[in-house]
Protein backbone atom coordinates (compact mmCIF):
# COMPACT_ATOMS: atom_id res chain seq x y z
CA MET A 1 -72.22 -76.66 -86.98
CA LYS A 2 -72.77 -77.29 -83.30
CA ILE A 3 -76.18 -78.60 -82.27
CA LYS A 4 -77.38 -78.28 -78.69
CA ASN A 5 -80.53 -79.82 -77.23
CA ILE A 6 -81.98 -78.05 -74.20
CA ILE A 7 -83.98 -80.97 -72.93
CA ILE A 8 -86.82 -79.77 -70.69
CA LEU A 9 -88.64 -76.59 -69.82
CA ALA A 10 -87.33 -76.69 -66.26
CA VAL A 11 -83.91 -75.86 -67.64
CA VAL A 12 -85.36 -72.93 -69.54
CA ILE A 13 -87.17 -71.54 -66.52
CA PHE A 14 -84.04 -71.94 -64.44
CA SER A 15 -82.10 -69.84 -66.92
CA LEU A 16 -84.59 -66.99 -66.78
CA SER A 17 -84.91 -67.24 -63.00
CA GLN A 18 -81.24 -66.93 -62.11
CA CYS A 19 -80.23 -64.11 -59.81
CA ASN A 20 -78.18 -61.33 -61.32
CA LYS A 21 -74.79 -62.98 -60.95
CA LYS A 22 -74.04 -63.16 -64.66
CA GLU A 23 -74.15 -59.39 -65.20
CA ALA A 24 -70.75 -59.11 -63.51
CA SER A 25 -69.30 -61.91 -65.62
CA PRO A 26 -67.88 -61.35 -69.12
CA PHE A 27 -69.28 -64.73 -70.15
CA TYR A 28 -72.83 -65.31 -71.33
CA SER A 29 -73.41 -68.37 -73.46
CA ASN A 30 -75.53 -68.80 -76.56
CA GLU A 31 -77.57 -71.35 -74.60
CA SER A 32 -78.49 -68.75 -71.98
CA ILE A 33 -79.28 -66.13 -74.62
CA THR A 34 -81.51 -68.59 -76.46
CA THR A 35 -83.45 -69.71 -73.40
CA ASP A 36 -83.96 -66.13 -72.22
CA ASN A 37 -85.35 -65.17 -75.63
CA VAL A 38 -87.63 -68.21 -75.82
CA LEU A 39 -89.20 -67.57 -72.42
CA ALA A 40 -89.55 -63.84 -73.05
CA ALA A 41 -91.45 -64.56 -76.28
CA MET A 42 -93.67 -67.03 -74.40
CA TYR A 43 -94.39 -64.63 -71.54
CA PHE A 44 -95.42 -61.83 -73.90
CA HIS A 45 -97.48 -64.32 -75.89
CA ILE A 46 -99.41 -65.29 -72.75
CA ILE A 47 -100.32 -61.63 -72.21
CA PHE A 48 -101.45 -61.37 -75.83
CA CYS A 49 -103.70 -64.43 -75.41
CA GLU A 50 -105.21 -63.22 -72.14
CA ALA A 51 -105.97 -59.78 -73.60
CA GLU A 52 -107.45 -61.12 -76.84
CA ASN A 53 -109.60 -63.61 -74.97
CA ALA A 54 -110.86 -60.90 -72.59
CA TRP A 55 -111.86 -58.75 -75.58
CA ALA A 56 -113.79 -61.72 -77.04
CA PHE A 57 -115.42 -62.63 -73.72
CA ILE A 58 -116.67 -59.14 -72.88
CA ASP A 59 -118.02 -58.79 -76.41
CA ASP A 60 -119.85 -62.10 -76.02
CA MET A 61 -121.30 -60.84 -72.71
CA ASP A 62 -122.62 -57.70 -74.53
CA TYR A 63 -120.42 -55.26 -72.60
CA VAL A 64 -122.38 -55.36 -69.34
CA ALA A 65 -120.96 -52.56 -67.21
CA ASN A 66 -119.25 -53.19 -63.88
CA LYS A 67 -120.20 -56.85 -63.66
CA THR A 68 -117.37 -59.07 -62.43
CA TYR A 69 -117.00 -62.47 -64.04
CA THR A 70 -115.07 -65.01 -61.98
CA ASP A 71 -113.64 -68.08 -63.63
CA PRO A 72 -115.52 -71.17 -62.38
CA ALA A 73 -112.25 -72.80 -61.32
CA SER A 74 -111.45 -69.94 -58.95
CA THR A 75 -111.26 -70.14 -55.17
CA SER A 76 -110.88 -67.46 -52.51
CA THR A 77 -107.08 -67.60 -52.81
CA VAL A 78 -106.59 -68.65 -56.45
CA PHE A 79 -108.64 -66.76 -59.00
CA LYS A 80 -109.12 -65.00 -62.30
CA LYS A 81 -111.70 -62.20 -62.45
CA MET A 82 -112.78 -59.94 -65.29
CA THR A 83 -114.71 -56.64 -65.19
CA TYR A 84 -115.74 -54.16 -67.89
CA ASP A 85 -116.08 -50.44 -67.13
CA ASP A 86 -118.42 -48.86 -69.68
CA ASP A 87 -117.37 -45.28 -68.84
CA THR A 88 -113.67 -45.85 -69.56
CA GLU A 89 -114.15 -48.80 -71.96
CA ILE A 90 -111.52 -50.72 -70.03
CA ILE A 91 -111.50 -54.44 -69.27
CA THR A 92 -109.71 -55.29 -66.03
CA ILE A 93 -108.39 -58.82 -65.56
CA GLU A 94 -107.25 -59.70 -62.04
CA TYR A 95 -105.17 -62.77 -61.24
CA GLN A 96 -104.08 -64.36 -57.99
CA ALA A 97 -101.81 -67.40 -58.29
CA TRP A 98 -103.76 -68.31 -61.43
CA VAL A 99 -102.17 -71.14 -63.41
CA THR A 100 -102.51 -71.24 -67.18
CA ASN A 101 -100.53 -73.81 -69.15
CA ASN A 102 -98.21 -74.32 -66.14
CA TYR A 103 -97.50 -70.59 -65.80
CA ASP A 104 -98.44 -68.79 -62.58
CA LEU A 105 -100.10 -65.38 -63.20
CA THR A 106 -100.55 -62.76 -60.48
CA GLY A 107 -101.50 -59.10 -60.81
CA THR A 108 -103.60 -57.09 -63.23
CA ILE A 109 -103.89 -56.71 -67.00
CA THR A 110 -106.03 -53.87 -68.32
CA VAL A 111 -107.32 -53.80 -71.89
CA ARG A 112 -108.58 -50.53 -73.35
CA ILE A 113 -111.02 -51.09 -76.20
CA VAL A 114 -113.85 -49.42 -78.11
CA LYS A 115 -117.27 -50.88 -77.38
CA ASN A 116 -118.60 -53.34 -80.00
CA SER A 117 -115.21 -53.45 -81.70
CA TYR A 118 -114.23 -57.12 -81.44
CA ARG A 119 -113.36 -58.64 -84.83
CA VAL A 120 -113.88 -55.28 -86.54
CA GLU A 121 -111.31 -54.29 -89.17
CA GLY A 122 -108.77 -51.76 -87.90
CA LYS A 123 -109.98 -51.72 -84.29
CA VAL A 124 -107.32 -51.78 -81.56
CA ALA A 125 -107.02 -53.11 -78.03
CA ASN A 126 -104.32 -51.47 -75.93
CA VAL A 127 -102.87 -53.62 -73.16
CA TYR A 128 -101.25 -52.47 -69.90
CA LEU A 129 -99.72 -54.33 -66.95
CA ARG A 130 -100.14 -53.36 -63.28
CA GLY A 131 -98.20 -55.23 -60.63
CA PHE A 132 -98.20 -58.20 -62.97
CA SER A 133 -95.93 -61.23 -62.81
CA ILE A 134 -95.52 -64.63 -64.44
CA ASN A 135 -93.85 -67.31 -62.32
CA GLU A 136 -93.06 -64.55 -59.79
CA GLN A 137 -91.03 -62.62 -62.37
CA ASN A 138 -92.28 -59.04 -62.57
CA MET A 139 -93.27 -57.71 -65.99
CA VAL A 140 -93.72 -54.16 -67.21
CA GLY A 141 -94.77 -52.74 -70.54
CA GLU A 142 -97.53 -51.96 -72.99
CA SER A 143 -98.74 -53.63 -76.15
CA SER A 144 -101.50 -53.34 -78.74
CA LEU A 145 -103.53 -55.69 -80.92
CA LYS A 146 -104.99 -54.35 -84.17
CA TYR A 147 -107.56 -56.53 -85.91
CA ARG A 148 -107.03 -57.18 -89.61
CA GLU A 149 -109.04 -58.77 -92.36
CA GLU A 150 -107.37 -60.53 -95.26
CA LYS A 151 -108.98 -61.52 -98.54
CA ASN A 152 -109.94 -65.21 -98.70
CA ASN A 153 -108.88 -65.75 -95.08
CA ASP A 154 -111.50 -66.16 -92.35
CA ASN A 155 -109.00 -66.58 -89.51
CA ASP A 156 -108.55 -63.96 -86.79
CA ILE A 157 -105.49 -61.87 -87.63
CA TYR A 158 -103.83 -59.17 -85.56
CA THR A 159 -101.00 -56.72 -86.05
CA TYR A 160 -99.07 -56.90 -82.78
CA THR A 161 -96.99 -54.13 -81.22
CA LEU A 162 -94.91 -54.48 -78.06
CA LEU A 163 -93.72 -51.08 -76.95
CA ASN A 164 -90.12 -50.30 -76.14
CA GLY A 165 -89.56 -50.52 -72.40
CA SER A 166 -91.42 -53.80 -72.01
CA ALA A 167 -89.33 -56.10 -69.85
CA ILE A 168 -89.14 -59.09 -67.53
CA HIS A 169 -87.48 -58.63 -64.14
CA GLU A 170 -85.97 -61.07 -61.71
CA GLN A 171 -88.12 -62.39 -58.89
CA GLY A 172 -88.84 -59.88 -56.17
CA THR A 173 -89.57 -56.17 -55.92
CA SER A 174 -87.47 -53.62 -57.84
CA MET A 175 -85.17 -56.30 -59.22
CA PRO A 176 -82.91 -55.91 -62.30
CA VAL A 177 -84.16 -56.51 -65.82
CA LEU A 178 -83.56 -60.02 -67.15
CA ILE A 179 -84.55 -59.21 -70.73
CA SER A 180 -86.32 -56.35 -72.50
CA GLY A 181 -88.18 -56.52 -75.79
CA SER A 182 -90.10 -54.54 -78.38
CA VAL A 183 -92.00 -55.58 -81.51
CA VAL A 184 -93.24 -53.50 -84.43
CA ASN A 185 -95.79 -54.93 -86.89
CA GLY A 186 -95.76 -58.47 -85.56
CA ARG A 187 -98.41 -60.78 -86.97
CA TYR A 188 -100.70 -63.19 -85.13
CA GLU A 189 -103.10 -65.52 -86.94
CA ARG A 190 -105.42 -67.91 -85.11
CA ILE A 191 -105.30 -71.09 -87.18
CA GLU A 192 -107.36 -73.23 -84.77
CA GLY A 193 -109.96 -72.58 -82.08
CA GLY A 194 -111.61 -69.41 -83.36
CA GLU A 195 -115.11 -70.84 -82.99
CA THR A 196 -115.03 -70.98 -79.18
CA LEU A 197 -114.24 -68.65 -76.28
CA SER A 198 -111.90 -71.20 -74.73
CA LEU A 199 -108.19 -70.48 -74.67
CA ASP A 200 -107.43 -74.18 -74.56
CA ASP A 201 -108.15 -74.96 -78.22
CA ASP A 202 -106.46 -71.89 -79.72
CA VAL A 203 -103.42 -72.28 -81.95
CA TRP A 204 -101.69 -69.06 -82.98
CA ALA A 205 -99.25 -68.69 -85.85
CA TYR A 206 -96.84 -65.88 -85.06
CA PHE A 207 -94.30 -63.89 -87.04
CA SER A 208 -92.24 -60.94 -85.79
CA THR A 209 -88.88 -59.38 -85.15
CA MET A 210 -88.24 -58.60 -81.49
CA THR A 211 -85.40 -56.35 -80.39
CA GLY A 212 -84.07 -55.70 -76.92
CA MET A 213 -81.27 -56.30 -74.46
CA VAL A 214 -80.35 -59.24 -72.24
CA ARG A 215 -79.65 -58.41 -68.58
CA GLU A 216 -79.11 -54.71 -69.31
CA VAL A 217 -75.71 -55.46 -70.86
CA PRO A 218 -75.11 -53.15 -73.87
CA SER A 219 -73.03 -55.79 -75.64
CA LEU A 220 -76.04 -58.12 -75.45
CA LYS A 221 -78.43 -56.06 -77.57
CA TYR A 222 -80.23 -58.58 -79.75
CA THR A 223 -82.53 -58.92 -82.74
CA ASN A 224 -84.71 -62.04 -82.67
CA THR A 225 -86.42 -62.73 -86.02
CA VAL A 226 -88.91 -65.49 -86.75
CA LEU A 227 -87.75 -67.22 -89.93
CA ASP A 228 -90.29 -70.06 -90.08
CA THR A 229 -93.61 -69.11 -88.51
CA VAL A 230 -93.83 -69.98 -84.81
CA GLN A 231 -96.96 -71.80 -83.63
CA TYR A 232 -98.21 -71.59 -80.05
CA SER A 233 -100.79 -73.93 -78.51
CA MET A 234 -101.98 -74.42 -74.94
CA ASN A 235 -100.74 -78.01 -74.72
CA CYS A 236 -97.14 -76.88 -75.26
CA LYS A 237 -95.04 -75.26 -72.56
CA ILE A 238 -93.19 -73.31 -75.22
CA ALA A 239 -93.89 -72.94 -78.94
CA ARG A 240 -94.83 -76.20 -80.62
CA GLN A 241 -92.84 -75.37 -83.75
CA GLY A 242 -91.00 -72.58 -85.55
CA VAL A 243 -87.46 -71.45 -86.34
CA SER A 244 -85.95 -68.12 -85.28
CA GLN A 245 -82.63 -66.32 -85.54
CA ILE A 246 -80.89 -64.23 -82.88
CA LYS A 247 -78.31 -61.67 -83.96
CA ILE A 248 -75.93 -59.96 -81.53
CA GLN A 249 -73.10 -57.82 -82.80
CA GLY A 250 -69.73 -59.53 -82.43
CA ARG A 251 -71.21 -63.03 -82.14
CA SER A 252 -72.11 -65.77 -84.54
CA ASN A 253 -75.80 -65.84 -85.43
CA ILE A 254 -77.89 -68.24 -83.36
CA PHE A 255 -80.66 -70.28 -84.99
CA TYR A 256 -83.11 -72.12 -82.77
CA GLU A 257 -86.18 -74.33 -83.07
CA CYS A 258 -88.84 -74.92 -80.42
CA LEU A 259 -90.73 -78.20 -80.10
CA CYS A 260 -93.18 -77.94 -77.17
CA SER A 261 -90.76 -78.75 -74.34
CA GLU A 262 -87.43 -78.83 -76.17
CA ILE A 263 -85.28 -76.13 -77.69
CA TYR A 264 -82.66 -76.95 -80.28
CA TYR A 265 -80.16 -74.25 -81.11
CA PHE A 266 -77.61 -74.11 -83.85
CA SER A 267 -74.59 -71.85 -84.17
CA SER A 268 -71.21 -72.01 -85.83
CA THR A 269 -69.66 -72.01 -82.38
CA ASP A 270 -70.92 -71.52 -78.84
CA VAL A 271 -69.11 -68.22 -78.46
CA PHE A 272 -68.87 -66.14 -75.31
CA ASN A 273 -68.52 -62.43 -74.64
CA LYS A 274 -64.87 -61.42 -74.63
């Protein structure tokens, strides 16, 4: 069993940020596949957190129509702004070079809700991206969060859906897809931080199976399944714990564990496309 330690997040970001040279190559290592999957999961998680927090914030502000709330840390060139439109029941979140947990957010997230629906069983927030990027990597796609109540559990719980067609692109306009992903019936549970509106104290336990394709290469269609619940917190650049498995036809299964700024992956051999 080969064990590989990907030491720091900078290596992970580098892997996702590479230009499209590897599409033409028949070789794509398990290390690259793992790091691409880890960052994709983190990017989509950030969108989940921003949308869920916006839903909570606008509810706490009693759904005042057309009032723009600007984060106190904003400047004229670096900002996060939030507005609720009562006619359409849409929350608009605008970002300009806004840094959250060392990730640079620019563009717009819109969250379609039903008024007075936050923390109501069965209610859904639908999330859309417009000209949105993380670390200058363009993102497209739609997702939804459906609130759930469980017996003898007071934590916030959501059923999470990431629609097919959601993807992360290379840096720049109209650039190729780095990795696509979709999730059906994922599960988020907030195990810490539910008493405040702050994102900083939230810890989310996450379980899902994500499917998609790496770099638009048909032989790199993957299934990424959480085996031991992943936990995300704002003081970790990637997940603070959790074990997942990546399956790609014709390759050995890849198992990986995230520990805040390190990724350990395990496979019977570090195979390459042939």
